[in-house]
Amino acid sequence: MEKRFALKTFIYFLCISFLLLTNGFHTMVAEAKEIGRPIGEMVSKGEVKFEARDKVWKSVDPSHFPIFQGVKIKTEKGTSILALADNCQIEVGQNSLLALDRSDRLHLVQGSIDFRIPATAAMEFKVGALLILPSRSFQASKTPSTVLPKIEEAIGSIVIHSNGAVTIKSIKGSLSILSEDRVVLAALSSNDSMTIPSVIVKTPSRTMVAQAGETGQEVEKKEERRSDLLYWIGGGILGAGVIAGISIGASQHHGGGGGFICR
């Protein structure tokens, strides 16, 4: 009877461990699908390449090239037009190097871009230690208790000069220039431009410093979740084994029956 109880307990623990494992597996599958989903498309003209693997560049299909999060693009004697989420349009000039850090962030390392960001879209550009993004001005409504944001599309350009300085131009809409810790450094209104010296930009080396994709905190959180999952699975299996062993041993002791006897 006690042996049967111990066997049932062990089976229950195995079932619980299996359920925990399958839940973690589904989470990992969902994360993989999210990583593998295109975030936009690109058409190009001339010599345009993407980084297939570390320091290995291959030519893109000029008529249609799917853009994935983390992709690095290099235009040599060519130009590209990127169509991203929420109808964001980016035109990349010649001799440019960029990466799509996230679906809503473009990291420009070298060259120039022209952009059009709809009012409803969230998009920002990273250049060295700077962040450039549309600013939402506020306007008063008819009722004094509410203040509504003035929604306007942003059209402009960003150019990195050979000396490391950066020129930012707003053709339509307002742009905010922020530091990496989100402190506002300057603001541009329509038909306004500004050139920021290289000492402020602090442009990193021509190699990609930031790995496009997940941040360090996101990776750490995922590793913690997986570690916790393995901990509970391991603990459940170990606990089941201990309980089963104790129960079987107790049954043998009380039963006084068979078993191996050392002489």
C-alpha atoms as a PDB file:
ATOM      1  CA  MET A   1       0.000   0.000   0.000  1.00  0.00           C
ATOM      2  CA  GLU A   2       2.790   2.375   0.968  1.00  0.00           C
ATOM      3  CA  LYS A   3       4.717   1.465  -2.176  1.00  0.00           C
ATOM      4  CA  ARG A   4       1.678   2.316  -4.269  1.00  0.00           C
ATOM      5  CA  PHE A   5       1.325   5.674  -2.494  1.00  0.00           C
ATOM      6  CA  ALA A   6       5.017   6.464  -3.078  1.00  0.00           C
ATOM      7  CA  LEU A   7       4.702   5.590  -6.763  1.00  0.00           C
ATOM      8  CA  LYS A   8       1.661   7.853  -7.165  1.00  0.00           C
ATOM      9  CA  THR A   9       3.485  10.717  -5.425  1.00  0.00           C
ATOM     10  CA  PHE A  10       6.439  10.318  -7.728  1.00  0.00           C
ATOM     11  CA  ILE A  11       4.194  10.335 -10.808  1.00  0.00           C
ATOM     12  CA  TYR A  12       2.420  13.505  -9.590  1.00  0.00           C
ATOM     13  CA  PHE A  13       5.722  15.304  -9.195  1.00  0.00           C
ATOM     14  CA  LEU A  14       6.824  14.233 -12.659  1.00  0.00           C
ATOM     15  CA  CYS A  15       3.577  15.583 -14.139  1.00  0.00           C
ATOM     16  CA  ILE A  16       4.009  18.945 -12.388  1.00  0.00           C
ATOM     17  CA  SER A  17       7.616  19.168 -13.576  1.00  0.00           C
ATOM     18  CA  PHE A  18       6.549  18.359 -17.122  1.00  0.00           C
ATOM     19  CA  LEU A  19       3.875  21.080 -17.062  1.00  0.00           C
ATOM     20  CA  LEU A  20       6.416  23.648 -15.852  1.00  0.00           C
ATOM     21  CA  LEU A  21       8.821  22.586 -18.566  1.00  0.00           C
ATOM     22  CA  THR A  22       6.208  22.858 -21.328  1.00  0.00           C
ATOM     23  CA  ASN A  23       5.177  26.326 -20.115  1.00  0.00           C
ATOM     24  CA  GLY A  24       8.770  27.471 -20.332  1.00  0.00           C
ATOM     25  CA  PHE A  25       9.088  25.899 -23.769  1.00  0.00           C
ATOM     26  CA  HIS A  26       6.058  27.797 -25.071  1.00  0.00           C
ATOM     27  CA  THR A  27       7.556  31.046 -23.750  1.00  0.00           C
ATOM     28  CA  MET A  28      10.817  30.396 -25.566  1.00  0.00           C
ATOM     29  CA  VAL A  29       8.949  29.555 -28.779  1.00  0.00           C
ATOM     30  CA  ALA A  30       6.987  32.806 -28.553  1.00  0.00           C
ATOM     31  CA  GLU A  31      10.197  34.765 -28.026  1.00  0.00           C
ATOM     32  CA  ALA A  32      11.781  33.083 -31.043  1.00  0.00           C
ATOM     33  CA  LYS A  33       8.786  33.954 -33.213  1.00  0.00           C
ATOM     34  CA  GLU A  34       8.980  37.573 -32.057  1.00  0.00           C
ATOM     35  CA  ILE A  35      12.679  37.741 -32.958  1.00  0.00           C
ATOM     36  CA  GLY A  36      12.071  36.177 -36.376  1.00  0.00           C
ATOM     37  CA  ARG A  37       9.277  38.518 -37.439  1.00  0.00           C
ATOM     38  CA  PRO A  38      10.229  41.190 -40.055  1.00  0.00           C
ATOM     39  CA  ILE A  39       9.845  44.768 -38.874  1.00  0.00           C
ATOM     40  CA  GLY A  40       9.855  46.317 -42.343  1.00  0.00           C
ATOM     41  CA  GLU A  41      10.937  46.126 -45.970  1.00  0.00           C
ATOM     42  CA  MET A  42      13.622  47.793 -48.072  1.00  0.00           C
ATOM     43  CA  VAL A  43      14.118  48.556 -51.746  1.00  0.00           C
ATOM     44  CA  SER A  44      17.501  49.740 -52.950  1.00  0.00           C
ATOM     45  CA  LYS A  45      19.442  50.974 -55.919  1.00  0.00           C
ATOM     46  CA  GLY A  46      23.156  50.478 -56.538  1.00  0.00           C
ATOM     47  CA  GLU A  47      25.586  48.778 -54.152  1.00  0.00           C
ATOM     48  CA  VAL A  48      23.818  48.034 -50.870  1.00  0.00           C
ATOM     49  CA  LYS A  49      24.813  45.265 -48.468  1.00  0.00           C
ATOM     50  CA  PHE A  50      23.735  43.717 -45.182  1.00  0.00           C
ATOM     51  CA  GLU A  51      25.771  41.896 -42.554  1.00  0.00           C
ATOM     52  CA  ALA A  52      24.890  38.214 -42.910  1.00  0.00           C
ATOM     53  CA  ARG A  53      27.147  37.299 -39.993  1.00  0.00           C
ATOM     54  CA  ASP A  54      29.962  38.974 -38.085  1.00  0.00           C
ATOM     55  CA  LYS A  55      32.054  41.012 -40.564  1.00  0.00           C
ATOM     56  CA  VAL A  56      30.574  39.140 -43.527  1.00  0.00           C
ATOM     57  CA  TRP A  57      28.596  41.433 -45.844  1.00  0.00           C
ATOM     58  CA  LYS A  58      26.345  40.295 -48.682  1.00  0.00           C
ATOM     59  CA  SER A  59      24.420  42.175 -51.340  1.00  0.00           C
ATOM     60  CA  VAL A  60      20.715  42.680 -50.784  1.00  0.00           C
ATOM     61  CA  ASP A  61      17.930  41.943 -53.224  1.00  0.00           C
ATOM     62  CA  PRO A  62      17.306  45.422 -54.687  1.00  0.00           C
ATOM     63  CA  SER A  63      13.633  44.807 -55.438  1.00  0.00           C
ATOM     64  CA  HIS A  64      12.613  43.491 -52.019  1.00  0.00           C
ATOM     65  CA  PHE A  65      14.577  42.898 -48.830  1.00  0.00           C
ATOM     66  CA  PRO A  66      12.836  42.046 -45.513  1.00  0.00           C
ATOM     67  CA  ILE A  67      14.218  43.929 -42.523  1.00  0.00           C
ATOM     68  CA  PHE A  68      14.618  42.117 -39.224  1.00  0.00           C
ATOM     69  CA  GLN A  69      15.391  43.531 -35.834  1.00  0.00           C
ATOM     70  CA  GLY A  70      19.149  43.842 -35.411  1.00  0.00           C
ATOM     71  CA  VAL A  71      20.004  43.958 -39.121  1.00  0.00           C
ATOM     72  CA  LYS A  72      22.962  46.106 -40.174  1.00  0.00           C
ATOM     73  CA  ILE A  73      22.850  47.833 -43.554  1.00  0.00           C
ATOM     74  CA  LYS A  74      25.673  49.442 -45.480  1.00  0.00           C
ATOM     75  CA  THR A  75      25.165  51.561 -48.565  1.00  0.00           C
ATOM     76  CA  GLU A  76      28.265  52.065 -50.640  1.00  0.00           C
ATOM     77  CA  LYS A  77      27.554  53.452 -54.096  1.00  0.00           C
ATOM     78  CA  GLY A  78      23.864  53.022 -53.598  1.00  0.00           C
ATOM     79  CA  THR A  79      20.762  54.249 -51.809  1.00  0.00           C
ATOM     80  CA  SER A  80      17.890  52.570 -49.993  1.00  0.00           C
ATOM     81  CA  ILE A  81      14.347  53.296 -48.903  1.00  0.00           C
ATOM     82  CA  LEU A  82      13.084  51.599 -45.761  1.00  0.00           C
ATOM     83  CA  ALA A  83       9.393  51.126 -45.012  1.00  0.00           C
ATOM     84  CA  LEU A  84       8.963  50.386 -41.317  1.00  0.00           C
ATOM     85  CA  ALA A  85       6.038  49.893 -38.963  1.00  0.00           C
ATOM     86  CA  ASP A  86       3.361  52.586 -38.713  1.00  0.00           C
ATOM     87  CA  ASN A  87       4.267  53.874 -42.204  1.00  0.00           C
ATOM     88  CA  CYS A  88       7.643  55.274 -41.148  1.00  0.00           C
ATOM     89  CA  GLN A  89       9.810  55.929 -44.218  1.00  0.00           C
ATOM     90  CA  ILE A  90      13.610  56.228 -44.129  1.00  0.00           C
ATOM     91  CA  GLU A  91      15.739  57.110 -47.155  1.00  0.00           C
ATOM     92  CA  VAL A  92      19.389  56.158 -46.717  1.00  0.00           C
ATOM     93  CA  GLY A  93      22.069  58.071 -48.619  1.00  0.00           C
ATOM     94  CA  GLN A  94      25.287  56.741 -50.097  1.00  0.00           C
ATOM     95  CA  ASN A  95      28.199  55.587 -47.906  1.00  0.00           C
ATOM     96  CA  SER A  96      25.964  55.110 -44.883  1.00  0.00           C
ATOM     97  CA  LEU A  97      26.058  52.523 -42.114  1.00  0.00           C
ATOM     98  CA  LEU A  98      23.113  51.845 -39.825  1.00  0.00           C
ATOM     99  CA  ALA A  99      21.389  49.254 -37.695  1.00  0.00           C
ATOM    100  CA  LEU A 100      17.796  48.710 -36.625  1.00  0.00           C
ATOM    101  CA  ASP A 101      18.330  48.344 -32.871  1.00  0.00           C
ATOM    102  CA  ARG A 102      14.606  47.910 -32.337  1.00  0.00           C
ATOM    103  CA  SER A 103      11.473  48.245 -34.395  1.00  0.00           C
ATOM    104  CA  ASP A 104      11.239  51.844 -33.159  1.00  0.00           C
ATOM    105  CA  ARG A 105      14.929  52.813 -33.114  1.00  0.00           C
ATOM    106  CA  LEU A 106      17.445  53.312 -35.928  1.00  0.00           C
ATOM    107  CA  HIS A 107      21.131  53.595 -35.060  1.00  0.00           C
ATOM    108  CA  LEU A 108      22.962  55.739 -37.629  1.00  0.00           C
ATOM    109  CA  VAL A 109      26.729  55.219 -37.440  1.00  0.00           C
ATOM    110  CA  GLN A 110      27.821  56.908 -40.651  1.00  0.00           C
ATOM    111  CA  GLY A 111      26.336  58.780 -43.603  1.00  0.00           C
ATOM    112  CA  SER A 112      22.919  60.403 -43.895  1.00  0.00           C
ATOM    113  CA  ILE A 113      19.197  59.686 -43.817  1.00  0.00           C
ATOM    114  CA  ASP A 114      15.974  61.486 -44.722  1.00  0.00           C
ATOM    115  CA  PHE A 115      12.936  60.471 -42.726  1.00  0.00           C
ATOM    116  CA  ARG A 116       9.186  60.844 -42.517  1.00  0.00           C
ATOM    117  CA  ILE A 117       7.501  59.799 -39.279  1.00  0.00           C
ATOM    118  CA  PRO A 118       3.690  59.872 -39.089  1.00  0.00           C
ATOM    119  CA  ALA A 119       2.085  61.572 -36.119  1.00  0.00           C
ATOM    120  CA  THR A 120       0.887  58.275 -34.654  1.00  0.00           C
ATOM    121  CA  ALA A 121       4.235  56.483 -34.955  1.00  0.00           C
ATOM    122  CA  ALA A 122       6.922  56.083 -32.291  1.00  0.00           C
ATOM    123  CA  MET A 123      10.391  56.318 -33.817  1.00  0.00           C
ATOM    124  CA  GLU A 124      13.754  57.609 -32.664  1.00  0.00           C
ATOM    125  CA  PHE A 125      17.256  57.880 -34.112  1.00  0.00           C
ATOM    126  CA  LYS A 126      20.465  57.209 -32.245  1.00  0.00           C
ATOM    127  CA  VAL A 127      23.609  59.016 -33.409  1.00  0.00           C
ATOM    128  CA  GLY A 128      26.593  58.620 -31.130  1.00  0.00           C
ATOM    129  CA  ALA A 129      25.457  59.727 -27.681  1.00  0.00           C
ATOM    130  CA  LEU A 130      22.416  61.553 -29.075  1.00  0.00           C
ATOM    131  CA  LEU A 131      18.794  60.576 -29.513  1.00  0.00           C
ATOM    132  CA  ILE A 132      16.637  62.432 -32.054  1.00  0.00           C
ATOM    133  CA  LEU A 133      12.884  61.967 -31.977  1.00  0.00           C
ATOM    134  CA  PRO A 134       9.665  63.845 -32.767  1.00  0.00           C
ATOM    135  CA  SER A 135       8.499  66.075 -29.935  1.00  0.00           C
ATOM    136  CA  ARG A 136       4.835  66.356 -29.027  1.00  0.00           C
ATOM    137  CA  SER A 137       3.882  69.952 -28.322  1.00  0.00           C
ATOM    138  CA  PHE A 138       0.763  70.689 -26.275  1.00  0.00           C
ATOM    139  CA  GLN A 139      -2.176  72.888 -27.065  1.00  0.00           C
ATOM    140  CA  ALA A 140      -5.106  74.003 -24.938  1.00  0.00           C
ATOM    141  CA  SER A 141      -8.541  72.602 -25.652  1.00  0.00           C
ATOM    142  CA  LYS A 142     -11.916  74.301 -25.315  1.00  0.00           C
ATOM    143  CA  THR A 143     -12.332  72.891 -21.839  1.00  0.00           C
ATOM    144  CA  PRO A 144      -9.682  74.328 -19.477  1.00  0.00           C
ATOM    145  CA  SER A 145      -9.386  71.065 -17.558  1.00  0.00           C
ATOM    146  CA  THR A 146      -7.728  69.203 -20.426  1.00  0.00           C
ATOM    147  CA  VAL A 147      -4.603  69.813 -22.481  1.00  0.00           C
ATOM    148  CA  LEU A 148      -4.282  67.820 -25.687  1.00  0.00           C
ATOM    149  CA  PRO A 149      -1.024  67.035 -27.498  1.00  0.00           C
ATOM    150  CA  LYS A 150      -0.677  68.591 -30.926  1.00  0.00           C
ATOM    151  CA  ILE A 151      -0.135  65.660 -33.273  1.00  0.00           C
ATOM    152  CA  GLU A 152       1.947  66.376 -36.353  1.00  0.00           C
ATOM    153  CA  GLU A 153       4.099  64.237 -38.612  1.00  0.00           C
ATOM    154  CA  ALA A 154       7.851  64.801 -38.578  1.00  0.00           C
ATOM    155  CA  ILE A 155       9.892  65.220 -41.768  1.00  0.00           C
ATOM    156  CA  GLY A 156      13.604  65.900 -41.662  1.00  0.00           C
ATOM    157  CA  SER A 157      17.148  64.688 -42.191  1.00  0.00           C
ATOM    158  CA  ILE A 158      20.285  63.699 -40.266  1.00  0.00           C
ATOM    159  CA  VAL A 159      23.805  63.982 -41.675  1.00  0.00           C
ATOM    160  CA  ILE A 160      27.017  62.770 -40.009  1.00  0.00           C
ATOM    161  CA  HIS A 161      29.972  64.797 -41.327  1.00  0.00           C
ATOM    162  CA  SER A 162      33.482  63.441 -41.817  1.00  0.00           C
ATOM    163  CA  ASN A 163      34.718  65.345 -38.739  1.00  0.00           C
ATOM    164  CA  GLY A 164      32.107  63.685 -36.519  1.00  0.00           C
ATOM    165  CA  ALA A 165      29.737  66.646 -36.310  1.00  0.00           C
ATOM    166  CA  VAL A 166      26.032  66.029 -36.925  1.00  0.00           C
ATOM    167  CA  THR A 167      23.547  68.262 -38.727  1.00  0.00           C
ATOM    168  CA  ILE A 168      19.895  67.755 -37.872  1.00  0.00           C
ATOM    169  CA  LYS A 169      17.214  69.434 -39.955  1.00  0.00           C
ATOM    170  CA  SER A 170      13.483  69.640 -39.344  1.00  0.00           C
ATOM    171  CA  ILE A 171      11.473  70.293 -42.500  1.00  0.00           C
ATOM    172  CA  LYS A 172       8.099  69.749 -40.877  1.00  0.00           C
ATOM    173  CA  GLY A 173       7.156  69.190 -37.269  1.00  0.00           C
ATOM    174  CA  SER A 174       9.201  69.519 -34.108  1.00  0.00           C
ATOM    175  CA  LEU A 175      12.234  67.446 -33.138  1.00  0.00           C
ATOM    176  CA  SER A 176      13.837  66.926 -29.749  1.00  0.00           C
ATOM    177  CA  ILE A 177      17.536  66.191 -29.290  1.00  0.00           C
ATOM    178  CA  LEU A 178      18.255  64.190 -26.147  1.00  0.00           C
ATOM    179  CA  SER A 179      21.251  62.708 -24.413  1.00  0.00           C
ATOM    180  CA  GLU A 180      21.444  58.965 -23.814  1.00  0.00           C
ATOM    181  CA  ASP A 181      19.902  59.436 -20.363  1.00  0.00           C
ATOM    182  CA  ARG A 182      16.937  61.265 -21.938  1.00  0.00           C
ATOM    183  CA  VAL A 183      17.934  64.796 -20.941  1.00  0.00           C
ATOM    184  CA  VAL A 184      16.705  67.339 -23.500  1.00  0.00           C
ATOM    185  CA  LEU A 185      19.650  69.153 -25.092  1.00  0.00           C
ATOM    186  CA  ALA A 186      17.864  71.112 -27.820  1.00  0.00           C
ATOM    187  CA  ALA A 187      14.608  71.386 -29.759  1.00  0.00           C
ATOM    188  CA  LEU A 188      13.963  72.165 -33.412  1.00  0.00           C
ATOM    189  CA  SER A 189      10.796  73.579 -34.901  1.00  0.00           C
ATOM    190  CA  SER A 190       9.701  73.388 -38.543  1.00  0.00           C
ATOM    191  CA  ASN A 191      12.218  74.707 -41.097  1.00  0.00           C
ATOM    192  CA  ASP A 192      14.940  74.754 -38.464  1.00  0.00           C
ATOM    193  CA  SER A 193      18.346  73.063 -38.407  1.00  0.00           C
ATOM    194  CA  MET A 194      21.290  72.631 -36.055  1.00  0.00           C
ATOM    195  CA  THR A 195      24.846  71.328 -36.329  1.00  0.00           C
ATOM    196  CA  ILE A 196      26.171  69.670 -33.174  1.00  0.00           C
ATOM    197  CA  PRO A 197      29.972  69.450 -32.816  1.00  0.00           C
ATOM    198  CA  SER A 198      31.651  66.069 -32.522  1.00  0.00           C
ATOM    199  CA  VAL A 199      32.733  66.704 -28.929  1.00  0.00           C
ATOM    200  CA  ILE A 200      29.044  66.619 -27.911  1.00  0.00           C
ATOM    201  CA  VAL A 201      28.060  63.865 -30.269  1.00  0.00           C
ATOM    202  CA  LYS A 202      30.859  61.618 -29.010  1.00  0.00           C
ATOM    203  CA  THR A 203      30.490  59.455 -32.064  1.00  0.00           C
ATOM    204  CA  PRO A 204      31.786  55.932 -31.336  1.00  0.00           C
ATOM    205  CA  SER A 205      34.168  54.077 -33.600  1.00  0.00           C
ATOM    206  CA  ARG A 206      32.974  52.997 -37.030  1.00  0.00           C
ATOM    207  CA  THR A 207      32.348  49.467 -35.795  1.00  0.00           C
ATOM    208  CA  MET A 208      28.967  48.735 -34.310  1.00  0.00           C
ATOM    209  CA  VAL A 209      29.242  49.106 -30.565  1.00  0.00           C
ATOM    210  CA  ALA A 210      25.694  48.316 -29.504  1.00  0.00           C
ATOM    211  CA  GLN A 211      24.320  44.946 -30.454  1.00  0.00           C
ATOM    212  CA  ALA A 212      20.977  45.514 -32.078  1.00  0.00           C
ATOM    213  CA  GLY A 213      18.057  43.805 -30.444  1.00  0.00           C
ATOM    214  CA  GLU A 214      17.498  43.129 -26.754  1.00  0.00           C
ATOM    215  CA  THR A 215      18.997  45.249 -24.015  1.00  0.00           C
ATOM    216  CA  GLY A 216      21.145  43.800 -21.274  1.00  0.00           C
ATOM    217  CA  GLN A 217      18.321  44.099 -18.751  1.00  0.00           C
ATOM    218  CA  GLU A 218      15.929  42.176 -21.000  1.00  0.00           C
ATOM    219  CA  VAL A 219      18.491  39.382 -21.453  1.00  0.00           C
ATOM    220  CA  GLU A 220      19.104  39.227 -17.690  1.00  0.00           C
ATOM    221  CA  LYS A 221      15.379  38.988 -16.981  1.00  0.00           C
ATOM    222  CA  LYS A 222      14.975  36.125 -19.458  1.00  0.00           C
ATOM    223  CA  GLU A 223      17.950  34.297 -17.963  1.00  0.00           C
ATOM    224  CA  GLU A 224      16.458  34.738 -14.485  1.00  0.00           C
ATOM    225  CA  ARG A 225      13.120  33.323 -15.646  1.00  0.00           C
ATOM    226  CA  ARG A 226      14.809  30.320 -17.212  1.00  0.00           C
ATOM    227  CA  SER A 227      16.996  29.776 -14.136  1.00  0.00           C
ATOM    228  CA  ASP A 228      13.930  29.884 -11.894  1.00  0.00           C
ATOM    229  CA  LEU A 229      12.173  27.422 -14.184  1.00  0.00           C
ATOM    230  CA  LEU A 230      15.093  24.988 -14.083  1.00  0.00           C
ATOM    231  CA  TYR A 231      15.326  25.436 -10.306  1.00  0.00           C
ATOM    232  CA  TRP A 232      11.695  24.490  -9.749  1.00  0.00           C
ATOM    233  CA  ILE A 233      11.882  21.578 -12.176  1.00  0.00           C
ATOM    234  CA  GLY A 234      15.040  20.280 -10.570  1.00  0.00           C
ATOM    235  CA  GLY A 235      13.623  20.807  -7.091  1.00  0.00           C
ATOM    236  CA  GLY A 236      10.407  19.017  -7.997  1.00  0.00           C
ATOM    237  CA  ILE A 237      12.202  16.017  -9.472  1.00  0.00           C
ATOM    238  CA  LEU A 238      14.639  15.860  -6.562  1.00  0.00           C
ATOM    239  CA  GLY A 239      11.811  16.160  -4.029  1.00  0.00           C
ATOM    240  CA  ALA A 240       9.869  13.440  -5.805  1.00  0.00           C
ATOM    241  CA  GLY A 241      12.873  11.158  -5.746  1.00  0.00           C
ATOM    242  CA  VAL A 242      13.493  11.773  -2.048  1.00  0.00           C
ATOM    243  CA  ILE A 243       9.839  11.205  -1.108  1.00  0.00           C
ATOM    244  CA  ALA A 244       9.655   8.078  -3.230  1.00  0.00           C
ATOM    245  CA  GLY A 245      12.864   6.733  -1.717  1.00  0.00           C
ATOM    246  CA  ILE A 246      11.736   7.431   1.842  1.00  0.00           C
ATOM    247  CA  SER A 247       8.319   5.910   1.243  1.00  0.00           C
ATOM    248  CA  ILE A 248       9.714   2.776  -0.366  1.00  0.00           C
ATOM    249  CA  GLY A 249      12.285   2.406   2.367  1.00  0.00           C
ATOM    250  CA  ALA A 250       9.648   2.832   5.041  1.00  0.00           C
ATOM    251  CA  SER A 251       7.420   0.250   3.415  1.00  0.00           C
ATOM    252  CA  GLN A 252      10.267  -2.253   3.265  1.00  0.00           C
ATOM    253  CA  HIS A 253      11.121  -1.560   6.911  1.00  0.00           C
ATOM    254  CA  HIS A 254       7.571  -2.058   8.166  1.00  0.00           C
ATOM    255  CA  GLY A 255       6.878  -4.963   5.907  1.00  0.00           C
ATOM    256  CA  GLY A 256       9.957  -6.835   7.003  1.00  0.00           C
ATOM    257  CA  GLY A 257       9.729  -8.647   3.714  1.00  0.00           C
ATOM    258  CA  GLY A 258      12.141  -9.267   0.959  1.00  0.00           C
ATOM    259  CA  GLY A 259      14.955  -7.128  -0.192  1.00  0.00           C
ATOM    260  CA  PHE A 260      18.679  -7.671  -0.545  1.00  0.00           C
ATOM    261  CA  ILE A 261      20.500  -8.718   2.656  1.00  0.00           C
ATOM    262  CA  CYS A 262      24.290  -8.459   2.890  1.00  0.00           C
ATOM    263  CA  ARG A 263      25.874 -11.328   4.634  1.00  0.00           C
END
